[in-house]
Structures are given as C-alpha cells and as structure tokens.
Amino acid sequence: MATTRQAHTVWEGNLIEGKGIVTFDSSGIGEYDVSWPARSEQPNGRTSPEELIAAAHSSCFSMALSNGLAKAGTPPTKLNTKAEVTFQPGTGITGVHITVEGEVPGLDEDGFVKAAEDAKANCPVSQALTGTTITLSASLA
C-alpha cells in the first residue's frame, strides 16, 4: 500500500534576507524555522533543506539496515546513524556521508559493513538521491 506524507513551507521575503516556516503536516510534529543563512552559514536555531535530508536519510538508512540484519538472522540491538549532507552555494548538494555504529550480536565487522553497504544502496532515500555521491563508514561498537 503506497503512502504519501506532506510538509509545507511558507516563505516571506527574498532568498538572502527572507525566512520561512516548514510544517510537518502528516505527523503534526511541529513547525521549524528555515533560512538561507541556516543553509549557507550558521544554523542559529533554524533548519535547512540539507538538515531535513540528513534526518530523512539517517532514519531511512537505519530502518533498511535493521531490516536487512534481521532478515539475515542477526537483528541489531542498537544502530547509531549520522548523515552529513554537504551543500555548496552556487552548486547544490555535493555529497552525503553516512556513519553508522552498530551493536549486532553474532555478526563480525565484515558482515556488518556488507549489510551497511546494502542498506546504503537500497534505502529509498539513497535511491531518491541517485546522482549524489553517498559515502559510508560502518563499524561495530
């Protein structure tokens, strides 16, 4: 069954001096301020499209890796995943780096890295970011 999730942004002003509010409509988890300086300089309490992509990617990757490990008979106890999205003004998103550390009883480092590589290639957010360089660092705790 397909699902659709919604968010919307209300933007006021020009790119450099303007500001917006991103609202998570489907979940109702809140509204978050967004601005150009948060994207290209310092966040100063606001978010950016790149931070939102990082949140989506780290959670999607964790779900995909957890599922793959469980299907292989080695469910994780814990996965700690960070996604770093690099934005270059004038160019756009230039890359994503995923770092994951896992607690997976009964699995060696090589098996964990292989499962992480599979999750990186197959999580829906990775697939949506096709054309962007995605790198990975994976290790067991």
N, C-alpha and C. Protein backbone atom coordinates (compact mmCIF):
# COMPACT_ATOMS: atom_id res chain seq x y z
N MET A 1 0.84 -1.18 0.00
CA MET A 1 0.00 0.00 0.00
C MET A 1 0.88 1.24 0.00
N ALA A 2 0.71 2.10 -0.95
CA ALA A 2 1.50 3.34 -1.05
C ALA A 2 1.04 4.34 0.00
N THR A 3 1.96 5.13 0.48
CA THR A 3 1.64 6.21 1.42
C THR A 3 2.18 7.52 0.87
N THR A 4 1.54 8.58 1.26
CA THR A 4 2.00 9.92 0.89
C THR A 4 2.11 10.73 2.17
N ARG A 5 3.23 11.40 2.35
CA ARG A 5 3.43 12.26 3.51
C ARG A 5 3.54 13.69 3.01
N GLN A 6 3.12 14.62 3.87
CA GLN A 6 3.10 16.02 3.45
C GLN A 6 3.81 16.92 4.44
N ALA A 7 4.46 17.92 3.89
CA ALA A 7 5.02 19.04 4.64
C ALA A 7 4.82 20.26 3.75
N HIS A 8 4.79 21.42 4.35
CA HIS A 8 4.71 22.62 3.52
C HIS A 8 5.56 23.72 4.16
N THR A 9 5.93 24.68 3.33
CA THR A 9 6.74 25.81 3.75
C THR A 9 6.05 27.10 3.34
N VAL A 10 6.02 28.04 4.26
CA VAL A 10 5.58 29.41 3.96
C VAL A 10 6.84 30.26 4.03
N TRP A 11 7.18 30.92 2.92
CA TRP A 11 8.39 31.73 2.82
C TRP A 11 8.00 33.19 2.67
N GLU A 12 8.70 34.06 3.38
CA GLU A 12 8.47 35.50 3.27
C GLU A 12 9.78 36.20 2.96
N GLY A 13 9.76 37.06 1.95
CA GLY A 13 10.95 37.84 1.62
C GLY A 13 11.81 37.19 0.55
N ASN A 14 12.95 37.85 0.31
CA ASN A 14 13.86 37.35 -0.71
C ASN A 14 14.72 36.21 -0.15
N LEU A 15 15.56 35.64 -0.97
CA LEU A 15 16.37 34.48 -0.56
C LEU A 15 17.30 34.81 0.61
N ILE A 16 18.07 35.87 0.49
CA ILE A 16 19.12 36.16 1.46
C ILE A 16 18.57 36.66 2.79
N GLU A 17 17.60 37.55 2.76
CA GLU A 17 17.09 38.14 3.99
C GLU A 17 15.77 37.52 4.46
N GLY A 18 15.17 36.72 3.61
CA GLY A 18 13.88 36.14 3.95
C GLY A 18 13.98 35.00 4.95
N LYS A 19 12.82 34.48 5.27
CA LYS A 19 12.77 33.34 6.20
C LYS A 19 11.49 32.57 5.92
N GLY A 20 11.48 31.35 6.40
CA GLY A 20 10.31 30.52 6.19
C GLY A 20 10.02 29.66 7.40
N ILE A 21 8.88 29.00 7.33
CA ILE A 21 8.50 28.04 8.35
C ILE A 21 8.08 26.77 7.64
N VAL A 22 8.75 25.66 7.98
CA VAL A 22 8.42 24.34 7.46
C VAL A 22 7.49 23.68 8.46
N THR A 23 6.37 23.18 7.99
CA THR A 23 5.41 22.50 8.85
C THR A 23 5.28 21.04 8.40
N PHE A 24 5.40 20.14 9.36
CA PHE A 24 5.23 18.71 9.10
C PHE A 24 3.75 18.38 9.24
N ASP A 25 3.05 18.36 8.11
CA ASP A 25 1.60 18.20 8.11
C ASP A 25 1.15 16.79 8.48
N SER A 26 1.77 15.79 7.92
CA SER A 26 1.31 14.42 8.12
C SER A 26 1.44 13.97 9.57
N SER A 27 2.58 14.23 10.17
CA SER A 27 2.82 13.76 11.53
C SER A 27 2.35 14.75 12.58
N GLY A 28 2.30 16.03 12.21
CA GLY A 28 1.91 17.05 13.17
C GLY A 28 2.97 17.31 14.24
N ILE A 29 4.24 16.95 13.94
CA ILE A 29 5.28 17.08 14.96
C ILE A 29 5.79 18.50 15.15
N GLY A 30 5.38 19.41 14.30
CA GLY A 30 5.76 20.78 14.57
C GLY A 30 6.10 21.61 13.36
N GLU A 31 6.49 22.84 13.69
CA GLU A 31 6.92 23.82 12.70
C GLU A 31 8.36 24.19 13.01
N TYR A 32 9.15 24.38 11.95
CA TYR A 32 10.57 24.69 12.13
C TYR A 32 10.96 25.85 11.23
N ASP A 33 11.68 26.80 11.80
CA ASP A 33 12.15 27.94 11.04
C ASP A 33 13.26 27.51 10.08
N VAL A 34 13.26 28.09 8.89
CA VAL A 34 14.25 27.80 7.86
C VAL A 34 14.71 29.13 7.25
N SER A 35 16.01 29.20 6.89
CA SER A 35 16.52 30.43 6.29
C SER A 35 17.74 30.13 5.44
N TRP A 36 18.09 31.09 4.58
CA TRP A 36 19.30 30.95 3.77
C TRP A 36 20.56 30.92 4.65
N PRO A 37 20.72 31.80 5.63
CA PRO A 37 21.91 31.70 6.47
C PRO A 37 22.03 30.34 7.17
N ALA A 38 20.92 29.73 7.54
CA ALA A 38 20.97 28.40 8.15
C ALA A 38 21.49 27.37 7.16
N ARG A 39 21.32 27.66 5.90
CA ARG A 39 21.74 26.76 4.83
C ARG A 39 23.19 26.98 4.43
N SER A 40 23.63 28.23 4.43
CA SER A 40 24.93 28.56 3.86
C SER A 40 25.94 29.09 4.87
N GLU A 41 25.49 29.37 6.10
CA GLU A 41 26.40 29.91 7.11
C GLU A 41 26.22 29.14 8.41
N GLN A 42 25.63 29.77 9.41
CA GLN A 42 25.39 29.11 10.70
C GLN A 42 23.89 28.90 10.92
N PRO A 43 23.50 27.77 11.53
CA PRO A 43 22.08 27.50 11.72
C PRO A 43 21.35 28.52 12.59
N ASN A 44 21.98 28.99 13.67
CA ASN A 44 21.36 29.99 14.55
C ASN A 44 19.90 29.66 14.90
N GLY A 45 19.66 28.40 15.25
CA GLY A 45 18.33 27.99 15.68
C GLY A 45 17.34 27.71 14.58
N ARG A 46 17.80 27.74 13.34
CA ARG A 46 16.92 27.45 12.20
C ARG A 46 17.43 26.19 11.50
N THR A 47 16.59 25.58 10.69
CA THR A 47 16.99 24.39 9.96
C THR A 47 17.20 24.73 8.49
N SER A 48 17.53 23.73 7.71
CA SER A 48 17.77 23.91 6.27
C SER A 48 17.27 22.66 5.54
N PRO A 49 17.08 22.76 4.23
CA PRO A 49 16.70 21.58 3.47
C PRO A 49 17.72 20.44 3.64
N GLU A 50 19.00 20.80 3.75
CA GLU A 50 20.03 19.77 3.89
C GLU A 50 19.93 19.04 5.23
N GLU A 51 19.61 19.76 6.29
CA GLU A 51 19.44 19.10 7.59
C GLU A 51 18.22 18.18 7.55
N LEU A 52 17.17 18.63 6.88
CA LEU A 52 15.98 17.79 6.76
C LEU A 52 16.29 16.53 5.94
N ILE A 53 17.09 16.66 4.89
CA ILE A 53 17.51 15.49 4.11
C ILE A 53 18.37 14.57 4.97
N ALA A 54 19.26 15.14 5.77
CA ALA A 54 20.10 14.33 6.66
C ALA A 54 19.25 13.53 7.64
N ALA A 55 18.22 14.16 8.18
CA ALA A 55 17.32 13.46 9.11
C ALA A 55 16.60 12.32 8.39
N ALA A 56 16.10 12.60 7.20
CA ALA A 56 15.41 11.58 6.43
C ALA A 56 16.35 10.42 6.08
N HIS A 57 17.56 10.76 5.68
CA HIS A 57 18.49 9.72 5.24
C HIS A 57 18.97 8.86 6.41
N SER A 58 19.28 9.48 7.54
CA SER A 58 19.77 8.69 8.68
C SER A 58 18.68 7.76 9.20
N SER A 59 17.44 8.20 9.21
CA SER A 59 16.37 7.33 9.70
C SER A 59 16.03 6.23 8.68
N CYS A 60 15.98 6.56 7.41
CA CYS A 60 15.70 5.57 6.37
C CYS A 60 16.79 4.51 6.33
N PHE A 61 18.05 4.93 6.37
CA PHE A 61 19.17 4.01 6.35
C PHE A 61 19.10 3.06 7.56
N SER A 62 18.81 3.62 8.74
CA SER A 62 18.73 2.79 9.95
C SER A 62 17.64 1.73 9.82
N MET A 63 16.50 2.12 9.27
CA MET A 63 15.41 1.16 9.08
C MET A 63 15.81 0.07 8.09
N ALA A 64 16.43 0.46 6.99
CA ALA A 64 16.85 -0.51 5.97
C ALA A 64 17.90 -1.47 6.53
N LEU A 65 18.87 -0.94 7.27
CA LEU A 65 19.91 -1.78 7.84
C LEU A 65 19.33 -2.72 8.89
N SER A 66 18.48 -2.21 9.75
CA SER A 66 17.84 -3.05 10.77
C SER A 66 17.07 -4.19 10.13
N ASN A 67 16.32 -3.88 9.08
CA ASN A 67 15.55 -4.90 8.38
C ASN A 67 16.45 -5.95 7.73
N GLY A 68 17.49 -5.49 7.05
CA GLY A 68 18.42 -6.42 6.40
C GLY A 68 19.11 -7.34 7.40
N LEU A 69 19.54 -6.78 8.51
CA LEU A 69 20.20 -7.59 9.54
C LEU A 69 19.25 -8.61 10.14
N ALA A 70 18.01 -8.20 10.41
CA ALA A 70 17.02 -9.11 10.99
C ALA A 70 16.71 -10.25 10.01
N LYS A 71 16.55 -9.91 8.73
CA LYS A 71 16.26 -10.94 7.73
C LYS A 71 17.42 -11.94 7.60
N ALA A 72 18.64 -11.49 7.91
CA ALA A 72 19.82 -12.36 7.84
C ALA A 72 20.01 -13.17 9.14
N GLY A 73 19.11 -12.96 10.10
CA GLY A 73 19.18 -13.71 11.35
C GLY A 73 20.05 -13.08 12.42
N THR A 74 20.47 -11.84 12.20
CA THR A 74 21.30 -11.13 13.19
C THR A 74 20.71 -9.75 13.46
N PRO A 75 19.56 -9.70 14.13
CA PRO A 75 18.95 -8.40 14.39
C PRO A 75 19.83 -7.53 15.28
N PRO A 76 19.87 -6.24 15.01
CA PRO A 76 20.71 -5.36 15.81
C PRO A 76 20.08 -5.06 17.17
N THR A 77 20.94 -4.83 18.15
CA THR A 77 20.49 -4.33 19.44
C THR A 77 20.34 -2.82 19.36
N LYS A 78 21.28 -2.20 18.62
CA LYS A 78 21.28 -0.74 18.51
C LYS A 78 22.05 -0.32 17.26
N LEU A 79 21.53 0.69 16.58
CA LEU A 79 22.23 1.33 15.46
C LEU A 79 22.27 2.82 15.74
N ASN A 80 23.43 3.42 15.61
CA ASN A 80 23.59 4.86 15.78
C ASN A 80 24.07 5.40 14.43
N THR A 81 23.19 6.09 13.73
CA THR A 81 23.47 6.54 12.37
C THR A 81 23.46 8.05 12.27
N LYS A 82 24.50 8.60 11.64
CA LYS A 82 24.58 10.03 11.37
C LYS A 82 24.71 10.22 9.86
N ALA A 83 23.95 11.16 9.31
CA ALA A 83 24.09 11.53 7.90
C ALA A 83 24.52 12.98 7.83
N GLU A 84 25.55 13.23 7.06
CA GLU A 84 26.06 14.59 6.86
C GLU A 84 25.86 14.95 5.39
N VAL A 85 25.06 15.98 5.15
CA VAL A 85 24.76 16.44 3.80
C VAL A 85 25.55 17.72 3.56
N THR A 86 26.37 17.71 2.53
CA THR A 86 27.20 18.87 2.20
C THR A 86 26.53 19.71 1.12
N PHE A 87 26.42 20.99 1.40
CA PHE A 87 25.81 21.95 0.47
C PHE A 87 26.84 23.00 0.10
N GLN A 88 27.02 23.23 -1.19
CA GLN A 88 27.91 24.27 -1.69
C GLN A 88 27.06 25.32 -2.40
N PRO A 89 26.95 26.55 -1.83
CA PRO A 89 26.17 27.58 -2.51
C PRO A 89 26.64 27.76 -3.95
N GLY A 90 25.70 27.85 -4.84
CA GLY A 90 26.01 28.00 -6.26
C GLY A 90 26.13 26.68 -6.99
N THR A 91 26.33 25.60 -6.24
CA THR A 91 26.46 24.27 -6.84
C THR A 91 25.32 23.36 -6.42
N GLY A 92 25.04 23.35 -5.13
CA GLY A 92 23.98 22.49 -4.60
C GLY A 92 24.54 21.45 -3.65
N ILE A 93 23.81 20.36 -3.50
CA ILE A 93 24.25 19.28 -2.62
C ILE A 93 25.35 18.52 -3.34
N THR A 94 26.51 18.44 -2.68
CA THR A 94 27.67 17.82 -3.32
C THR A 94 27.98 16.43 -2.77
N GLY A 95 27.30 16.02 -1.71
CA GLY A 95 27.54 14.68 -1.20
C GLY A 95 26.84 14.44 0.12
N VAL A 96 26.76 13.15 0.44
CA VAL A 96 26.21 12.71 1.71
C VAL A 96 27.18 11.68 2.28
N HIS A 97 27.49 11.81 3.57
CA HIS A 97 28.30 10.80 4.23
C HIS A 97 27.51 10.21 5.39
N ILE A 98 27.38 8.90 5.38
CA ILE A 98 26.67 8.19 6.43
C ILE A 98 27.70 7.51 7.32
N THR A 99 27.56 7.70 8.62
CA THR A 99 28.39 6.99 9.60
C THR A 99 27.44 6.18 10.47
N VAL A 100 27.72 4.89 10.58
CA VAL A 100 26.87 4.03 11.41
C VAL A 100 27.75 3.17 12.31
N GLU A 101 27.34 3.10 13.57
CA GLU A 101 27.96 2.20 14.53
C GLU A 101 26.86 1.29 15.05
N GLY A 102 27.12 0.00 15.04
CA GLY A 102 26.07 -0.94 15.41
C GLY A 102 26.47 -1.89 16.52
N GLU A 103 25.48 -2.30 17.25
CA GLU A 103 25.61 -3.39 18.21
C GLU A 103 24.78 -4.54 17.64
N VAL A 104 25.48 -5.56 17.14
CA VAL A 104 24.82 -6.66 16.46
C VAL A 104 25.42 -7.98 16.96
N PRO A 105 24.80 -8.60 17.95
CA PRO A 105 25.32 -9.87 18.47
C PRO A 105 25.40 -10.93 17.36
N GLY A 106 26.52 -11.64 17.34
CA GLY A 106 26.68 -12.74 16.39
C GLY A 106 27.13 -12.34 15.01
N LEU A 107 27.51 -11.07 14.80
CA LEU A 107 27.94 -10.62 13.48
C LEU A 107 29.33 -10.00 13.58
N ASP A 108 30.19 -10.36 12.62
CA ASP A 108 31.54 -9.78 12.62
C ASP A 108 31.55 -8.47 11.82
N GLU A 109 32.67 -7.77 11.89
CA GLU A 109 32.82 -6.46 11.25
C GLU A 109 32.56 -6.52 9.75
N ASP A 110 33.13 -7.54 9.08
CA ASP A 110 32.93 -7.64 7.63
C ASP A 110 31.47 -7.83 7.26
N GLY A 111 30.76 -8.66 8.03
CA GLY A 111 29.34 -8.88 7.78
C GLY A 111 28.53 -7.62 8.00
N PHE A 112 28.92 -6.83 9.02
CA PHE A 112 28.21 -5.59 9.30
C PHE A 112 28.43 -4.58 8.18
N VAL A 113 29.66 -4.44 7.74
CA VAL A 113 29.97 -3.50 6.66
C VAL A 113 29.21 -3.88 5.39
N LYS A 114 29.16 -5.17 5.09
CA LYS A 114 28.44 -5.63 3.89
C LYS A 114 26.95 -5.29 4.00
N ALA A 115 26.36 -5.53 5.17
CA ALA A 115 24.94 -5.20 5.37
C ALA A 115 24.71 -3.70 5.28
N ALA A 116 25.65 -2.91 5.80
CA ALA A 116 25.52 -1.45 5.73
C ALA A 116 25.62 -0.97 4.28
N GLU A 117 26.51 -1.53 3.52
CA GLU A 117 26.62 -1.16 2.10
C GLU A 117 25.33 -1.47 1.35
N ASP A 118 24.72 -2.61 1.67
CA ASP A 118 23.45 -2.98 1.04
C ASP A 118 22.35 -1.98 1.42
N ALA A 119 22.30 -1.60 2.70
CA ALA A 119 21.31 -0.63 3.15
C ALA A 119 21.53 0.72 2.46
N LYS A 120 22.78 1.11 2.31
CA LYS A 120 23.09 2.39 1.64
C LYS A 120 22.58 2.38 0.21
N ALA A 121 22.76 1.27 -0.47
CA ALA A 121 22.34 1.18 -1.88
C ALA A 121 20.83 1.07 -2.04
N ASN A 122 20.16 0.50 -1.04
CA ASN A 122 18.76 0.15 -1.24
C ASN A 122 17.74 0.92 -0.41
N CYS A 123 18.18 1.76 0.53
CA CYS A 123 17.16 2.51 1.27
C CYS A 123 16.51 3.52 0.31
N PRO A 124 15.21 3.75 0.43
CA PRO A 124 14.51 4.63 -0.51
C PRO A 124 15.08 6.05 -0.59
N VAL A 125 15.61 6.58 0.51
CA VAL A 125 16.18 7.93 0.43
C VAL A 125 17.47 7.91 -0.38
N SER A 126 18.31 6.89 -0.19
CA SER A 126 19.51 6.76 -1.03
C SER A 126 19.12 6.70 -2.50
N GLN A 127 18.10 5.92 -2.79
CA GLN A 127 17.66 5.78 -4.18
C GLN A 127 17.12 7.10 -4.72
N ALA A 128 16.45 7.89 -3.87
CA ALA A 128 15.95 9.19 -4.30
C ALA A 128 17.09 10.17 -4.58
N LEU A 129 18.23 9.95 -3.93
CA LEU A 129 19.38 10.83 -4.09
C LEU A 129 20.36 10.33 -5.14
N THR A 130 19.91 9.45 -6.02
CA THR A 130 20.75 8.96 -7.10
C THR A 130 21.32 10.16 -7.86
N GLY A 131 22.58 10.10 -8.15
CA GLY A 131 23.25 11.23 -8.78
C GLY A 131 24.08 12.02 -7.79
N THR A 132 23.85 11.78 -6.49
CA THR A 132 24.63 12.41 -5.44
C THR A 132 25.60 11.37 -4.89
N THR A 133 26.83 11.74 -4.67
CA THR A 133 27.81 10.82 -4.09
C THR A 133 27.46 10.55 -2.64
N ILE A 134 27.26 9.26 -2.32
CA ILE A 134 26.96 8.86 -0.96
C ILE A 134 28.10 7.95 -0.49
N THR A 135 28.75 8.34 0.60
CA THR A 135 29.82 7.53 1.16
C THR A 135 29.38 6.98 2.51
N LEU A 136 30.13 5.96 2.97
CA LEU A 136 29.71 5.24 4.18
C LEU A 136 30.92 4.86 5.02
N SER A 137 30.78 5.04 6.33
CA SER A 137 31.70 4.48 7.32
C SER A 137 30.86 3.65 8.25
N ALA A 138 31.18 2.35 8.37
CA ALA A 138 30.39 1.43 9.20
C ALA A 138 31.31 0.65 10.10
N SER A 139 30.92 0.53 11.38
CA SER A 139 31.72 -0.26 12.33
C SER A 139 30.82 -0.78 13.42
N LEU A 140 31.28 -1.85 14.05
CA LEU A 140 30.59 -2.39 15.21
C LEU A 140 31.09 -1.66 16.46
N ALA A 141 30.22 -1.53 17.42
CA ALA A 141 30.59 -0.86 18.67
C ALA A 141 31.53 -1.75 19.47
